Protein backbone atom coordinates (compact mmCIF):
# COMPACT_ATOMS: atom_id res chain seq x y z
CA MET A 1 60.59 -6.16 17.52
CA ALA A 2 56.87 -6.59 16.94
CA LEU A 3 55.48 -4.58 14.05
CA THR A 4 51.92 -3.71 13.08
CA LEU A 5 50.53 -2.20 9.84
CA MET A 6 48.23 0.80 10.13
CA GLU A 7 47.22 4.03 8.52
CA GLY A 8 47.72 7.45 10.01
CA ASN A 9 44.04 7.84 10.85
CA GLU A 10 43.98 4.64 12.86
CA ALA A 11 47.05 5.80 14.74
CA ILE A 12 45.32 9.04 15.62
CA ALA A 13 42.34 7.09 16.93
CA ARG A 14 44.62 4.87 19.00
CA GLY A 15 46.52 7.78 20.34
CA ALA A 16 43.30 9.55 21.35
CA VAL A 17 42.04 6.51 23.25
CA ALA A 18 45.45 5.98 24.91
CA ALA A 19 45.34 9.69 26.06
CA GLY A 20 41.96 9.14 27.75
CA CYS A 21 39.62 10.43 25.05
CA ARG A 22 36.15 9.03 25.63
CA PHE A 23 34.07 11.31 23.42
CA PHE A 24 34.23 11.79 19.67
CA ALA A 25 31.85 13.52 17.26
CA GLY A 26 32.39 14.10 13.60
CA TYR A 27 30.74 14.29 10.22
CA PRO A 28 31.97 12.08 7.33
CA ILE A 29 34.36 13.83 5.07
CA THR A 30 37.23 12.48 2.94
CA PRO A 31 40.02 11.97 4.06
CA ALA A 32 39.07 12.07 7.77
CA THR A 33 36.17 9.65 7.82
CA THR A 34 38.16 6.61 8.90
CA ILE A 35 39.00 8.35 12.22
CA LEU A 36 35.20 8.41 12.88
CA ASN A 37 35.07 4.68 11.84
CA HIS A 38 37.91 3.72 14.21
CA MET A 39 36.52 5.68 17.10
CA LEU A 40 33.12 4.08 16.51
CA ALA A 41 34.77 0.67 16.96
CA MET A 42 36.95 1.63 19.91
CA LEU A 43 34.99 3.91 22.21
CA PRO A 44 31.77 2.05 23.07
CA PRO A 45 33.53 -1.01 24.51
CA LEU A 46 35.46 1.38 26.86
CA GLY A 47 32.24 3.17 27.92
CA GLY A 48 32.89 6.07 25.64
CA VAL A 49 30.65 7.86 23.19
CA CYS A 50 31.04 8.29 19.43
CA VAL A 51 28.51 10.37 17.57
CA GLN A 52 28.01 11.20 13.93
CA GLY A 53 26.66 14.71 14.06
CA GLU A 54 24.16 15.99 11.53
CA ASP A 55 26.89 18.29 10.19
CA GLU A 56 30.29 19.70 11.10
CA ILE A 57 28.83 22.55 13.23
CA ALA A 58 26.86 20.16 15.36
CA SER A 59 29.89 17.81 15.68
CA ILE A 60 32.27 20.37 17.17
CA GLY A 61 29.41 21.68 19.34
CA LEU A 62 28.88 18.21 20.77
CA CYS A 63 32.57 17.97 21.51
CA ILE A 64 32.65 21.36 23.31
CA GLY A 65 29.71 20.31 25.45
CA ALA A 66 31.32 16.97 26.36
CA SER A 67 34.56 18.77 27.27
CA MET A 68 32.68 21.28 29.46
CA ALA A 69 31.19 18.30 31.24
CA GLY A 70 34.68 16.99 31.99
CA MET A 71 35.30 14.50 29.17
CA LYS A 72 38.36 14.43 26.91
CA ALA A 73 36.93 15.09 23.49
CA MET A 74 38.09 15.05 19.92
CA THR A 75 36.71 15.80 16.43
CA ALA A 76 38.14 15.34 12.95
CA THR A 77 37.45 16.88 9.60
CA SER A 78 39.19 18.34 6.58
CA GLY A 79 39.50 21.91 5.22
CA PRO A 80 35.85 22.52 4.34
CA GLY A 81 34.86 21.32 7.83
CA ILE A 82 37.40 23.53 9.53
CA SER A 83 35.75 26.53 7.91
CA LEU A 84 32.41 25.50 9.40
CA TYR A 85 34.10 24.90 12.79
CA SER A 86 35.44 28.45 12.95
CA GLU A 87 32.83 30.09 15.20
CA GLN A 88 32.97 27.30 17.73
CA ILE A 89 36.79 27.23 17.65
CA SER A 90 36.56 30.79 18.78
CA PHE A 91 34.17 29.77 21.61
CA ALA A 92 36.64 27.07 22.74
CA VAL A 93 39.48 29.55 22.68
CA GLY A 94 37.56 32.30 24.51
CA SER A 95 35.99 30.00 27.10
CA GLU A 96 39.27 27.98 27.55
CA ILE A 97 37.70 24.63 26.76
CA PRO A 98 40.14 21.70 26.22
CA LEU A 99 39.56 20.11 22.74
CA VAL A 100 41.59 18.22 20.04
CA ILE A 101 40.72 19.03 16.49
CA VAL A 102 42.15 16.88 13.73
CA ASP A 103 42.41 18.44 10.26
CA ILE A 104 43.30 15.88 7.63
CA GLN A 105 44.25 18.39 4.94
CA ARG A 106 43.27 17.91 1.34
CA LEU A 107 43.81 19.98 -1.84
CA GLY A 108 41.84 23.21 -1.83
CA PRO A 109 40.51 25.80 -2.03
CA SER A 110 36.86 25.12 -1.26
CA THR A 111 35.84 21.58 -2.01
CA GLY A 112 39.08 21.04 -3.97
CA SER A 113 40.09 17.46 -4.54
CA ALA A 114 38.92 15.19 -1.82
CA THR A 115 41.43 12.44 -2.61
CA ARG A 116 44.51 14.60 -3.03
CA GLY A 117 46.68 15.86 -0.18
CA ALA A 118 48.01 19.34 0.54
CA ASP A 119 49.12 21.48 3.52
CA GLY A 120 46.95 24.42 2.54
CA ASP A 121 45.28 25.01 5.93
CA VAL A 122 48.39 25.99 7.94
CA GLN A 123 47.59 29.73 8.19
CA PHE A 124 43.87 29.08 8.50
CA LEU A 125 44.35 26.89 11.57
CA ARG A 126 46.30 29.72 13.26
CA TRP A 127 44.14 32.63 12.22
CA GLY A 128 40.71 31.01 11.76
CA ASN A 129 39.24 32.21 15.04
CA SER A 130 37.70 35.61 15.73
CA GLY A 131 40.09 37.78 17.77
CA GLY A 132 43.20 36.07 16.53
CA MET A 133 44.15 34.53 19.88
CA PRO A 134 47.02 31.96 19.74
CA VAL A 135 46.40 28.25 19.29
CA ILE A 136 48.59 25.17 19.29
CA VAL A 137 49.11 23.26 16.01
CA LEU A 138 51.13 20.03 15.75
CA ALA A 139 52.06 18.45 12.45
CA PRO A 140 52.86 14.70 12.12
CA ILE A 141 55.19 13.43 9.36
CA ASP A 142 54.31 9.69 9.54
CA VAL A 143 52.04 7.13 11.16
CA ARG A 144 54.01 6.87 14.37
CA ASP A 145 53.85 10.64 14.75
CA CYS A 146 50.05 10.46 14.38
CA PHE A 147 49.97 8.41 17.56
CA THR A 148 52.48 10.28 19.66
CA LEU A 149 51.40 13.79 18.62
CA THR A 150 47.78 12.95 19.32
CA VAL A 151 48.69 12.00 22.88
CA GLN A 152 50.71 15.17 23.06
CA ALA A 153 47.76 17.19 21.69
CA PHE A 154 45.51 15.92 24.49
CA ASN A 155 48.14 16.65 27.12
CA LEU A 156 48.50 20.21 25.88
CA ALA A 157 44.76 20.78 25.63
CA GLU A 158 44.35 19.60 29.25
CA ARG A 159 47.32 21.51 30.55
CA TYR A 160 46.57 24.85 28.88
CA ARG A 161 42.82 24.58 28.61
CA CYS A 162 42.69 25.31 24.89
CA PRO A 163 41.90 23.72 21.53
CA VAL A 164 44.87 21.91 19.96
CA PHE A 165 45.02 21.11 16.27
CA ILE A 166 46.64 18.12 14.54
CA ALA A 167 47.57 19.23 11.01
CA SER A 168 47.78 15.99 9.16
CA ASN A 169 47.53 15.26 5.41
CA LYS A 170 45.60 12.88 3.25
CA GLU A 171 48.88 11.11 2.26
CA ILE A 172 49.76 10.38 5.90
CA ALA A 173 46.15 9.64 6.96
CA MET A 174 45.34 7.02 4.40
CA THR A 175 48.78 5.40 3.79
CA ARG A 176 49.51 2.20 5.67
CA GLU A 177 52.98 1.60 7.00
CA THR A 178 54.64 -0.67 9.58
CA VAL A 179 54.97 0.82 13.06
CA PRO A 180 56.80 -0.82 16.06
CA ILE A 181 54.16 -1.73 18.63
CA GLU A 182 56.59 -0.62 21.32
CA GLY A 183 56.43 2.84 19.87
CA LEU A 184 52.68 3.09 20.55
CA ASN A 185 53.22 3.87 24.24
CA PRO A 186 51.44 7.00 25.42
CA GLY A 187 53.87 7.80 28.23
CA GLU A 188 52.69 10.56 30.49
CA VAL A 189 48.95 11.32 30.26
CA VAL A 190 47.93 14.75 31.60
CA GLU A 191 44.60 15.54 33.26
CA ARG A 192 43.13 19.00 33.61
CA ARG A 193 43.89 20.59 36.92
CA PRO A 194 41.10 21.36 39.47
CA PRO A 195 40.93 24.71 41.25
CA PRO A 196 42.36 25.20 44.73
CA ALA A 197 39.95 23.57 47.21
CA ALA A 198 40.36 26.10 49.99
CA GLN A 199 39.16 29.12 47.98
CA PRO A 200 35.77 30.18 46.59
CA PHE A 201 35.46 28.90 43.00
CA LEU A 202 35.64 31.37 40.16
CA PRO A 203 35.56 29.66 36.76
CA PHE A 204 38.33 31.84 35.15
CA GLU A 205 40.37 32.82 38.23
CA THR A 206 44.03 31.82 38.20
CA ALA A 207 46.22 31.12 41.22
CA PRO A 208 49.20 33.45 41.86
CA GLY A 209 51.93 32.65 39.32
CA GLU A 210 49.62 30.60 37.17
CA ALA A 211 48.20 31.48 33.76
CA VAL A 212 45.65 28.66 33.43
CA PRO A 213 42.46 28.52 35.61
CA GLY A 214 41.50 25.36 37.37
CA PHE A 215 38.67 23.35 35.84
CA LEU A 216 35.38 22.10 37.20
CA PRO A 217 32.81 20.46 34.98
CA ILE A 218 29.39 21.89 34.20
CA GLY A 219 26.67 19.84 35.85
CA GLY A 220 28.60 19.08 39.04
CA LYS A 221 27.87 20.22 42.63
CA THR A 222 29.51 23.60 42.03
CA LEU A 223 27.95 26.22 39.75
CA VAL A 224 30.14 26.80 36.68
CA ARG A 225 29.52 29.62 34.29
CA GLN A 226 30.59 29.48 30.59
CA THR A 227 30.10 32.29 28.08
CA SER A 228 31.34 33.11 24.61
CA SER A 229 31.37 36.81 25.48
CA THR A 230 34.21 38.77 27.10
CA HIS A 231 34.17 37.95 30.76
CA GLY A 232 36.09 38.30 33.98
CA PRO A 233 37.37 35.72 36.41
CA ASP A 234 33.78 35.17 37.69
CA GLY A 235 32.50 34.22 34.24
CA TYR A 236 30.07 37.06 34.02
CA ILE A 237 29.92 39.10 30.85
CA THR A 238 31.86 42.35 30.99
CA THR A 239 32.84 45.36 28.79
CA ASP A 240 35.32 46.78 31.34
CA PRO A 241 38.44 47.52 29.23
CA ALA A 242 40.80 46.76 32.18
CA VAL A 243 39.28 43.36 32.93
CA ILE A 244 39.19 42.47 29.20
CA THR A 245 42.84 43.52 28.81
CA ARG A 246 43.97 41.34 31.74
CA THR A 247 42.01 38.33 30.58
CA LEU A 248 43.21 38.44 26.97
CA ALA A 249 46.78 39.07 27.97
CA ARG A 250 46.68 36.03 30.24
CA MET A 251 45.14 33.89 27.51
CA GLN A 252 47.81 35.01 25.05
CA ALA A 253 50.64 34.54 27.49
CA LYS A 254 49.59 31.06 28.62
CA ILE A 255 50.25 29.72 25.12
CA GLU A 256 52.97 31.98 23.68
CA SER A 257 55.16 32.13 26.77
CA ALA A 258 55.12 28.33 27.03
CA VAL A 259 56.03 27.41 23.45
CA ASP A 260 59.54 26.31 24.32
CA ARG A 261 58.10 23.70 26.71
CA PHE A 262 56.21 21.98 23.86
CA THR A 263 58.43 22.74 20.92
CA LEU A 264 58.80 19.46 18.88
CA VAL A 265 61.41 19.47 16.16
CA ASP A 266 63.70 17.01 14.51
CA HIS A 267 67.06 18.74 13.78
CA ARG A 268 69.45 16.74 11.64
CA PRO A 269 72.69 18.80 11.37
CA ALA A 270 75.25 17.91 8.74
CA ALA A 271 78.90 18.68 9.33
CA GLY A 272 80.05 21.46 7.11
CA ALA A 273 76.67 22.44 5.84
CA ASP A 274 75.79 26.02 4.99
CA THR A 275 72.28 25.24 3.84
CA LEU A 276 69.32 24.35 6.04
CA LEU A 277 66.39 22.45 4.55
CA LEU A 278 63.24 23.23 6.55
CA ALA A 279 59.98 21.24 6.14
CA TYR A 280 57.03 19.87 7.97
CA GLY A 281 54.24 17.30 7.32
CA VAL A 282 54.60 14.58 4.73
CA SER A 283 57.03 16.67 2.69
CA ALA A 284 59.52 16.46 5.55
CA ARG A 285 60.25 12.85 4.63
CA ALA A 286 61.16 13.74 1.09
CA ALA A 287 63.26 16.64 2.37
CA ALA A 288 65.22 14.35 4.67
CA GLU A 289 65.92 11.95 1.82
CA ALA A 290 67.05 14.70 -0.52
CA ALA A 291 69.42 16.03 2.18
CA ARG A 292 70.77 12.51 2.77
CA ARG A 293 71.52 11.98 -0.92
CA LEU A 294 73.34 15.29 -1.26
CA THR A 295 75.31 14.85 1.95
CA GLU A 296 76.49 11.42 0.73
CA THR A 297 77.83 13.05 -2.45
CA GLY A 298 79.88 15.56 -0.48
CA ARG A 299 77.35 18.44 -0.53
CA PRO A 300 76.18 18.49 3.09
CA VAL A 301 72.70 19.84 3.92
CA SER A 302 71.19 20.18 7.40
CA VAL A 303 67.52 19.43 8.01
CA LEU A 304 65.01 20.94 10.39
CA ILE A 305 61.62 19.24 10.61
CA LEU A 306 58.95 21.14 12.50
CA LYS A 307 56.32 19.24 14.35
CA THR A 308 55.10 22.23 16.41
CA LEU A 309 53.89 24.79 13.83
CA TRP A 310 52.04 27.23 16.05
CA PRO A 311 53.04 29.10 18.08
CA VAL A 312 56.15 29.40 15.92
CA PRO A 313 59.07 27.65 17.66
CA GLU A 314 61.35 30.64 17.08
CA ALA A 315 64.19 29.63 19.40
CA ALA A 316 64.53 26.21 17.76
CA ILE A 317 64.49 27.71 14.27
CA ARG A 318 67.23 30.29 15.16
CA ARG A 319 69.43 27.55 16.77
CA ALA A 320 69.16 25.35 13.65
CA ALA A 321 69.85 28.22 11.30
CA GLU A 322 72.90 29.46 13.17
CA GLY A 323 75.80 29.78 10.75
CA MET A 324 73.67 29.00 7.72
CA ARG A 325 74.06 30.92 4.53
CA ARG A 326 70.72 29.80 3.10
CA VAL A 327 67.49 28.24 4.25
CA LEU A 328 65.20 26.46 1.77
CA VAL A 329 61.60 26.05 3.01
CA VAL A 330 59.59 23.22 1.41
CA GLU A 331 55.82 23.26 1.66
CA MET A 332 52.93 21.41 0.01
CA ASN A 333 51.22 24.71 -0.68
CA LEU A 334 52.01 27.99 -2.48
CA GLY A 335 53.89 29.49 0.47
CA GLN A 336 52.30 29.87 3.91
CA TYR A 337 54.84 29.11 6.62
CA VAL A 338 57.81 30.49 4.67
CA HIS A 339 56.75 34.03 5.71
CA GLU A 340 57.18 33.07 9.34
CA ILE A 341 60.72 31.78 8.65
CA ALA A 342 61.64 35.01 6.90
CA ARG A 343 60.32 36.94 9.86
CA VAL A 344 62.24 34.84 12.41
CA LEU A 345 65.52 34.89 10.34
CA PRO A 346 66.11 38.42 9.06
CA GLY A 347 69.32 38.71 7.10
CA VAL A 348 69.37 35.08 6.11
CA ARG A 349 68.74 34.08 2.50
CA ILE A 350 65.32 32.36 2.47
CA ASP A 351 64.32 30.34 -0.60
CA PHE A 352 61.04 28.57 -1.14
CA TYR A 353 59.88 25.52 -3.02
CA GLY A 354 56.17 24.86 -3.03
CA GLN A 355 53.77 22.60 -4.90
CA MET A 356 50.00 22.43 -4.65
CA ASP A 357 48.64 20.27 -7.43
CA GLY A 358 47.68 17.03 -5.71
CA ARG A 359 51.02 15.40 -6.14
CA LEU A 360 53.55 14.63 -3.49
CA ILE A 361 56.79 16.65 -3.41
CA THR A 362 59.60 14.15 -4.30
CA PRO A 363 63.21 14.05 -3.15
CA ASP A 364 64.29 14.67 -6.78
CA THR A 365 62.42 17.98 -6.99
CA ILE A 366 63.81 19.13 -3.65
CA THR A 367 67.29 18.13 -4.77
CA GLU A 368 66.84 20.25 -7.91
CA ALA A 369 65.69 23.16 -5.78
CA LEU A 370 68.74 22.81 -3.57
CA ILE A 371 71.22 22.65 -6.37
CA HIS A 372 69.74 25.05 -8.88
CA GLY A 373 67.44 27.26 -6.74
């Protein structure tokens, strides 16, 4: 088996290119800058475009414009940049613009520690758009995931016409590890679907039984309207409550009703276990190791690693927790996703171990929490 050595950020860049991304714009920020560097090396030889914007706001705006013109586009930043992206994230949500946004999380709040990792943006990614409409957030645990989940992010952005986030972490992004070259296979690559050819084009009209409108690029032969304001199927601004209700209900349903189709989890049940260890991101690797050690000593612990964070994969969580007396949620923050687990699993004992001080959570600390928590 052929192996290659790469960091998570390089794997994200490779995954984006494999998925058909041909436009990238970003502004340098630790620990996301090397994605910009890799895209600068990879895109021009393929006829793609890589731009360093004058700031974060310009960078995501460039990506939105490129996507509206029909290109697959990606941007990358860290927590401070995501806060600046917020208004245009809302525009991408409201105007149903496909876009992949990579957040290489670092220790916050505010400027925080640029060279220390954390998972402190989990709630912000979900709720950081005006109106609170649902978004898709995927979380890799290692370098190979960075490749495969980036491809998946593009496929989901194209299929559901929405922004999709990759919630990585400085420790994954800038750590090199060996990856099987055979594992860097994009598999299916999805393209956005055009509207029905036999009908007059309306930019936000959906076919019967469909929740996602067909796409035509701005600048083509057919007039395409885009607006950040509330609008109807024709793209014109409206304040009609009935039209607004139908549009927003469709936009909500197209994501939330489909979550089981793109739920990505790694469930590792242990025979005889009555405790479920639930984690995501880089901490999931330490959690799996802690569970392995305890299981080998006769104290079995099951593990559920979430790679789809938003919308919450409720069905998968309930299946993994069936018959469990206790669930321990491990997060590299002070407790953000644990509240979702408590909501999904009423009546189950939910414990939490969190750490947000710039250090990785170790298998030893998780083992202590499992035994003495």
